[in-house]
Every structure is written in structure tokens, then in C-alpha cells.
Amino acid sequence: MTIAAGFLYDGGVLLCSDTQMESGAALTHGPKIGAFDFVGGKAAITFSGNVRSAEVTIQKFSKVLRRLQGHEDLIAEFESVLDTQYNRLVYRHPDYRTDNEFGLHYSMIFAVWFRDLNFTYLFETDQTRIVAVDTPYRCTGKGRDLADYLVASLARADMAEGEALVLAAYMLGQVKAGVSGCGGWSHFRTLRHDGTGTLVADRVLSEVERLGSTHDAEARRLLFAMTKGSTEFEAQLGKFAFNTRAVQGYWHSLSQEGSLSQQSTIADLSRQPPSRESPEVSGEP
């Protein structure tokens, strides 16, 4: 289930996700983005699919990060962990070749800032493989098809951070409204090329989510009015302009009040309690 994505922009990488989690008939909410420091840099990761298996794998990743000294072997080490865990948790599962209502597969999108390179890269997992992302974005989860449709023509690797955040908020809002299994709060995490990063909380981003569908409907009405007489078109254009200016003015007032606040904390998935499947994994001290 879920929707998660990574965006390349001119200053680094943005990860985003919803918070809805499903396991059989159970519906819960929780963080799907974790952040970790290591000697050679920093990493942030989000996931979709089987929650428990993804969390176990991320715990293993965090353990590897703590002992790495540089960037040279990080991806190879990650891929080794992924290969071991995916084979154990998915391919060898007794329900792998039968219909399984809980779902076994999972995938991850992660960003890594390498201290010695002073640059942040975006990666995704494809079952047991790790692939570098060289396109402006990557989406995963049940809402991926709709997300791809929404952002394919808009995402650019040279976007400013604010542009990337607004695009991500718009996408998440539309996906949560239109795809079952996607919902809850939206989380946004940046990891910049200078090694800084934060969990972003922004009232304007919430407004973009809330009004995205309404604005799209108004834009379609304006498009359709273009096929009619000038009187009807001018009336629709005037209505569209009036509503758009009113919303923009309100959002500007929110920005003046201190929107784009940055929270200094983020859920660290390496701190999750160890599962019975991996008793050797311990959280951060």
C-alpha cells in the first residue's frame, strides 16, 4: 500500500510519503521516513509495501551505516543486506507462491549524502537490487501510477527546494484523495548537497494538498469554456482569476506568519523495537 517518492532538485533530494499503513484488516498510521548519520555522511529513507519487512531491512541498513567509514562500499553493503533480507522475508516466505492478502513485497527510496563527495544521491530498490535514480523523481507504492501521471510533466532536476516541496504536496494530496490505501498526514524530508536536512512542516503545503483537486476542476472548467462563446469564456476567466488571487493572497499571509517551519526531529526507524525475526538488532543508544 501507500505512496512514497523521492525528488531531485537543484539543492539536494526531497523524500515524501503518506503515513497510512495496512496489515490485513488493520489500519494504522506511522512515519515512513527515517534519517541516519554515519561517519561518511547522512542517509534518509522511505518505503512502501510490507511494513514489517521494510522496517526490519531498514534496521539492518542502519546497523551497516554505523560501521562504515566512507562512501566506497556503502551501496554494495546495502545491496548485500537487501539481498539477504528480501530472500529471507519474501522469496522464502511460505505464502510467496500463493495469494497472500497481507502482501510480501516492499520497496524503498533513499537518499545518501557522502561527506567526501559533498553531494546527495537518490537511489531506489528493485526487489534485491539497488538502482541509482538519474531522473527528476521516483515514486513507489500503490499510488505510483497516479503519482507518475501527476508529476511526469512537472518534475525537473533544477527545481528550487520550494518548488519540489509544492509539487510533492500536490501529488500526495491528489493520490491520497484518489487511491485507496493511501492516506493520513504527509511527511517531507530534505537532504541537501551541503549535508543539511530537515523534516519540513508547512501550512502552505497543507493548503496545496487541500485545494489541489478544487483548483484542477476550476482549470478544467476554464479549458472547456474556451470552446464556447466569448461572453461565457470571459465570465469563467474572471471567476478563475478572482478565486486564484484570493487563494494566493491567503497563502501569502500564511507565509508571512512563518510558514515553511522546519522541525528538528524525525522518526528514526533504526530505533524501532527489534522484531522476533531479528533479535540481534538493537536501537540507537
Protein backbone atom coordinates (compact mmCIF):
# COMPACT_ATOMS: atom_id res chain seq x y z
CA MET A 1 0.00 0.00 0.00
CA THR A 2 0.98 3.63 0.46
CA ILE A 3 2.69 6.27 -1.63
CA ALA A 4 6.29 7.39 -1.25
CA ALA A 5 8.54 9.37 -3.56
CA GLY A 6 11.93 10.98 -4.00
CA PHE A 7 12.60 14.18 -5.95
CA LEU A 8 15.90 15.52 -7.21
CA TYR A 9 16.13 19.31 -7.06
CA ASP A 10 18.91 21.83 -7.50
CA GLY A 11 19.92 21.80 -3.84
CA GLY A 12 19.62 18.10 -2.99
CA VAL A 13 16.96 15.43 -2.57
CA LEU A 14 13.43 15.54 -1.16
CA LEU A 15 11.71 12.42 0.18
CA CYS A 16 7.98 12.38 0.90
CA SER A 17 5.30 9.90 1.92
CA ASP A 18 1.88 9.46 3.42
CA THR A 19 1.51 7.81 6.84
CA GLN A 20 -1.19 5.20 6.28
CA MET A 21 -0.23 1.58 6.94
CA GLU A 22 -2.36 -1.50 6.34
CA SER A 23 -1.90 -5.06 7.57
CA GLY A 24 -4.82 -7.27 6.71
CA ALA A 25 -7.90 -5.62 8.19
CA ALA A 26 -5.84 -3.36 10.46
CA LEU A 27 -5.36 0.29 9.51
CA THR A 28 -2.76 2.36 11.35
CA HIS A 29 -0.65 5.47 10.79
CA GLY A 30 3.04 5.98 11.37
CA PRO A 31 6.23 7.52 9.96
CA LYS A 32 7.65 6.07 6.76
CA ILE A 33 10.75 8.24 6.53
CA GLY A 34 13.84 7.57 8.63
CA ALA A 35 17.07 9.58 8.87
CA PHE A 36 20.52 8.36 9.93
CA ASP A 37 24.01 9.78 10.42
CA PHE A 38 27.18 7.82 9.78
CA VAL A 39 30.88 8.63 9.69
CA GLY A 40 30.90 9.08 5.93
CA GLY A 41 27.75 11.19 5.68
CA LYS A 42 23.99 11.02 6.16
CA ALA A 43 21.09 8.99 4.79
CA ALA A 44 17.31 9.28 4.64
CA ILE A 45 14.97 6.51 3.55
CA THR A 46 11.28 5.94 2.84
CA PHE A 47 9.40 2.80 1.83
CA SER A 48 6.23 1.22 0.53
CA GLY A 49 4.77 -2.27 0.77
CA ASN A 50 5.10 -4.70 3.67
CA VAL A 51 5.75 -2.52 6.69
CA ARG A 52 7.32 -5.08 9.00
CA SER A 53 9.72 -6.41 6.37
CA ALA A 54 10.73 -2.91 5.28
CA GLU A 55 11.39 -1.86 8.88
CA VAL A 56 13.50 -4.94 9.57
CA THR A 57 15.57 -4.24 6.46
CA ILE A 58 16.00 -0.57 7.42
CA GLN A 59 17.20 -1.63 10.86
CA LYS A 60 19.83 -3.76 9.15
CA PHE A 61 20.77 -0.83 6.92
CA SER A 62 21.24 1.43 9.95
CA LYS A 63 23.50 -1.15 11.57
CA VAL A 64 25.68 -1.22 8.44
CA LEU A 65 25.79 2.59 8.33
CA ARG A 66 27.16 2.83 11.85
CA ARG A 67 30.29 0.88 10.93
CA LEU A 68 31.05 2.38 7.51
CA GLN A 69 33.89 4.90 7.23
CA GLY A 70 33.29 6.28 3.72
CA HIS A 71 31.21 6.01 0.59
CA GLU A 72 33.16 3.37 -1.32
CA ASP A 73 31.32 0.29 -0.09
CA LEU A 74 28.00 1.73 1.07
CA ILE A 75 25.84 0.72 -1.89
CA ALA A 76 27.47 -2.71 -2.14
CA GLU A 77 26.86 -3.24 1.59
CA PHE A 78 23.27 -2.08 1.28
CA GLU A 79 22.66 -4.37 -1.66
CA SER A 80 24.08 -7.30 0.29
CA VAL A 81 21.70 -6.57 3.18
CA LEU A 82 18.77 -6.17 0.80
CA ASP A 83 19.57 -9.44 -0.98
CA THR A 84 19.72 -11.34 2.31
CA GLN A 85 16.59 -9.79 3.80
CA TYR A 86 14.47 -9.93 0.64
CA ASN A 87 15.27 -13.59 0.11
CA ARG A 88 14.51 -14.36 3.75
CA LEU A 89 11.37 -12.27 4.15
CA VAL A 90 9.82 -12.54 0.68
CA TYR A 91 11.11 -15.32 -1.56
CA ARG A 92 11.36 -17.91 1.21
CA HIS A 93 8.05 -16.99 2.81
CA PRO A 94 5.60 -19.93 2.77
CA ASP A 95 2.94 -17.76 1.12
CA TYR A 96 5.23 -16.40 -1.61
CA ARG A 97 3.74 -18.52 -4.41
CA THR A 98 0.15 -18.30 -3.22
CA ASP A 99 -2.34 -15.49 -2.87
CA ASN A 100 -1.41 -13.53 0.23
CA GLU A 101 -3.81 -10.85 1.42
CA PHE A 102 -1.15 -9.17 3.55
CA GLY A 103 1.36 -8.63 0.72
CA LEU A 104 5.01 -9.64 1.00
CA HIS A 105 6.88 -7.30 -1.33
CA TYR A 106 8.33 -3.97 -0.29
CA SER A 107 10.46 -1.30 -1.91
CA MET A 108 12.49 1.65 -0.71
CA ILE A 109 13.65 5.01 -1.98
CA PHE A 110 16.62 6.55 -0.20
CA ALA A 111 18.99 9.50 -0.35
CA VAL A 112 22.62 9.47 0.75
CA TRP A 113 24.86 12.48 1.34
CA PHE A 114 28.51 11.48 1.05
CA ARG A 115 30.74 13.71 3.14
CA ASP A 116 33.84 13.30 1.00
CA LEU A 117 31.91 13.97 -2.24
CA ASN A 118 29.75 16.73 -0.69
CA PHE A 119 26.79 15.60 -2.77
CA THR A 120 23.47 13.85 -2.21
CA TYR A 121 22.35 10.99 -4.44
CA LEU A 122 18.96 9.30 -4.86
CA PHE A 123 18.51 5.52 -5.05
CA GLU A 124 15.66 3.02 -5.25
CA THR A 125 15.37 -0.69 -4.57
CA ASP A 126 14.02 -3.14 -7.13
CA GLN A 127 13.45 -6.32 -5.14
CA THR A 128 17.06 -7.41 -4.43
CA ARG A 129 18.75 -4.68 -6.50
CA ILE A 130 19.66 -1.08 -5.73
CA VAL A 131 19.47 1.33 -8.65
CA ALA A 132 20.70 4.93 -8.84
CA VAL A 133 17.95 7.35 -9.84
CA ASP A 134 19.05 9.80 -12.55
CA THR A 135 15.60 11.12 -13.48
CA PRO A 136 13.95 14.03 -11.62
CA TYR A 137 11.78 11.81 -9.44
CA ARG A 138 10.85 8.28 -8.46
CA CYS A 139 7.56 7.07 -6.93
CA THR A 140 6.68 3.78 -5.27
CA GLY A 141 3.64 2.18 -3.69
CA LYS A 142 0.03 1.60 -4.62
CA GLY A 143 -0.38 5.23 -5.67
CA ARG A 144 2.62 5.18 -8.01
CA ASP A 145 0.72 5.18 -11.33
CA LEU A 146 -1.36 8.21 -10.41
CA ALA A 147 1.69 9.93 -8.92
CA ASP A 148 3.67 9.36 -12.12
CA TYR A 149 0.83 10.82 -14.17
CA LEU A 150 0.64 13.91 -11.97
CA VAL A 151 4.33 14.81 -11.79
CA ALA A 152 5.88 13.43 -15.01
CA SER A 153 5.49 16.70 -16.94
CA LEU A 154 6.28 18.96 -13.98
CA ALA A 155 9.30 17.49 -12.16
CA ARG A 156 12.70 18.93 -13.04
CA ALA A 157 16.10 18.27 -11.52
CA ASP A 158 16.77 22.04 -11.48
CA MET A 159 13.73 22.86 -9.33
CA ALA A 160 14.29 25.00 -6.27
CA GLU A 161 13.58 23.32 -2.94
CA GLY A 162 10.31 25.22 -2.53
CA GLU A 163 9.13 24.11 -5.98
CA ALA A 164 9.90 20.49 -5.18
CA LEU A 165 8.00 20.71 -1.89
CA VAL A 166 4.91 22.21 -3.54
CA LEU A 167 4.93 19.59 -6.30
CA ALA A 168 5.31 16.79 -3.75
CA ALA A 169 2.46 18.18 -1.64
CA TYR A 170 0.19 18.46 -4.68
CA MET A 171 0.98 14.89 -5.71
CA LEU A 172 0.43 13.45 -2.23
CA GLY A 173 -2.87 15.27 -1.84
CA GLN A 174 -4.22 14.00 -5.14
CA VAL A 175 -3.04 10.44 -4.55
CA LYS A 176 -4.47 10.30 -1.03
CA ALA A 177 -7.80 11.57 -2.37
CA GLY A 178 -7.95 9.17 -5.28
CA VAL A 179 -6.23 5.91 -4.31
CA SER A 180 -7.48 3.60 -1.57
CA GLY A 181 -4.74 2.55 0.82
CA CYS A 182 -3.08 5.98 0.72
CA GLY A 183 -3.89 8.50 3.43
CA GLY A 184 -3.00 10.17 6.70
CA TRP A 185 -0.57 13.03 7.16
CA SER A 186 2.10 13.88 4.62
CA HIS A 187 5.78 13.85 5.59
CA PHE A 188 8.53 15.74 3.77
CA ARG A 189 12.26 15.27 4.40
CA THR A 190 15.10 17.13 2.69
CA LEU A 191 18.75 16.09 2.45
CA ARG A 192 20.77 18.80 0.78
CA HIS A 193 24.10 18.77 -1.06
CA ASP A 194 25.74 20.60 1.84
CA GLY A 195 24.77 17.84 4.26
CA THR A 196 21.96 19.72 5.98
CA GLY A 197 18.41 18.46 6.00
CA THR A 198 15.18 18.65 7.90
CA LEU A 199 11.64 17.41 8.28
CA VAL A 200 9.51 20.19 6.81
CA ALA A 201 6.14 21.26 8.20
CA ASP A 202 4.45 23.96 6.13
CA ARG A 203 0.91 25.35 6.31
CA VAL A 204 1.02 26.33 2.65
CA LEU A 205 1.90 22.74 1.68
CA SER A 206 -1.18 21.60 3.60
CA GLU A 207 -3.25 24.16 1.66
CA VAL A 208 -1.84 22.91 -1.65
CA GLU A 209 -2.97 19.42 -0.70
CA ARG A 210 -6.38 20.60 0.42
CA LEU A 211 -7.20 22.72 -2.63
CA GLY A 212 -5.38 20.82 -5.37
CA SER A 213 -8.44 18.98 -6.64
CA THR A 214 -10.63 22.09 -6.49
CA HIS A 215 -8.12 24.14 -8.47
CA ASP A 216 -7.79 21.39 -11.09
CA ALA A 217 -11.57 21.30 -11.52
CA GLU A 218 -11.68 25.08 -11.97
CA ALA A 219 -8.86 24.92 -14.53
CA ARG A 220 -10.77 22.27 -16.50
CA ARG A 221 -13.90 24.42 -16.49
CA LEU A 222 -11.84 27.27 -17.90
CA LEU A 223 -10.45 24.96 -20.59
CA PHE A 224 -13.95 23.85 -21.58
CA ALA A 225 -15.17 27.47 -21.60
CA MET A 226 -12.56 28.24 -24.25
CA THR A 227 -14.66 26.21 -26.70
CA LYS A 228 -17.71 28.42 -26.12
CA GLY A 229 -18.61 32.00 -26.84
CA SER A 230 -16.50 34.89 -25.64
CA THR A 231 -19.09 36.02 -23.07
CA GLU A 232 -19.12 32.70 -21.24
CA PHE A 233 -15.37 32.36 -21.51
CA GLU A 234 -14.72 35.84 -20.09
CA ALA A 235 -17.10 35.12 -17.21
CA GLN A 236 -15.32 31.86 -16.40
CA LEU A 237 -11.90 33.51 -16.76
CA GLY A 238 -12.93 36.29 -14.39
CA LYS A 239 -14.18 33.78 -11.83
CA PHE A 240 -10.98 31.73 -12.13
CA ALA A 241 -8.77 34.80 -11.75
CA PHE A 242 -10.73 36.11 -8.76
CA ASN A 243 -10.63 32.79 -6.91
CA THR A 244 -6.96 32.22 -7.71
CA ARG A 245 -5.93 35.68 -6.49
CA ALA A 246 -7.94 35.22 -3.28
CA VAL A 247 -6.25 31.89 -2.53
CA GLN A 248 -2.80 33.25 -3.37
CA GLY A 249 -3.35 36.20 -1.05
CA TYR A 250 -4.38 33.90 1.78
CA TRP A 251 -1.37 31.66 1.23
CA HIS A 252 0.91 34.70 1.18
CA SER A 253 -0.48 35.73 4.56
CA LEU A 254 0.33 32.27 5.89
CA SER A 255 3.90 32.62 4.65
CA GLN A 256 4.19 35.97 6.38
CA GLU A 257 3.12 34.29 9.62
CA GLY A 258 6.10 31.96 9.47
CA SER A 259 5.10 29.13 7.19
CA LEU A 260 7.75 26.72 5.99
CA SER A 261 8.67 25.97 9.59
CA GLN A 262 11.26 23.27 9.99
CA GLN A 263 11.05 20.63 12.65
CA SER A 264 14.33 19.41 14.06
CA THR A 265 13.14 15.91 14.84
CA ILE A 266 12.24 12.97 12.64
CA ALA A 267 11.23 9.43 13.40
CA ASP A 268 14.33 7.26 13.20
CA LEU A 269 13.28 3.81 12.01
CA SER A 270 16.51 2.36 13.38
CA ARG A 271 15.01 3.00 16.82
CA GLN A 272 12.09 0.66 16.21
CA PRO A 273 12.00 -2.20 18.74
CA PRO A 274 13.62 -5.37 17.39
CA SER A 275 11.27 -7.91 15.88
CA ARG A 276 11.22 -11.59 16.72
CA GLU A 277 12.69 -12.16 13.28
CA SER A 278 15.82 -10.15 14.08
CA PRO A 279 16.61 -10.36 17.82
CA GLU A 280 20.18 -9.19 17.28
CA VAL A 281 19.12 -5.73 16.08
CA SER A 282 19.23 -3.03 18.70
CA GLY A 283 18.21 0.61 18.53
CA GLU A 284 20.44 3.64 18.79
CA PRO A 285 21.77 4.33 22.30
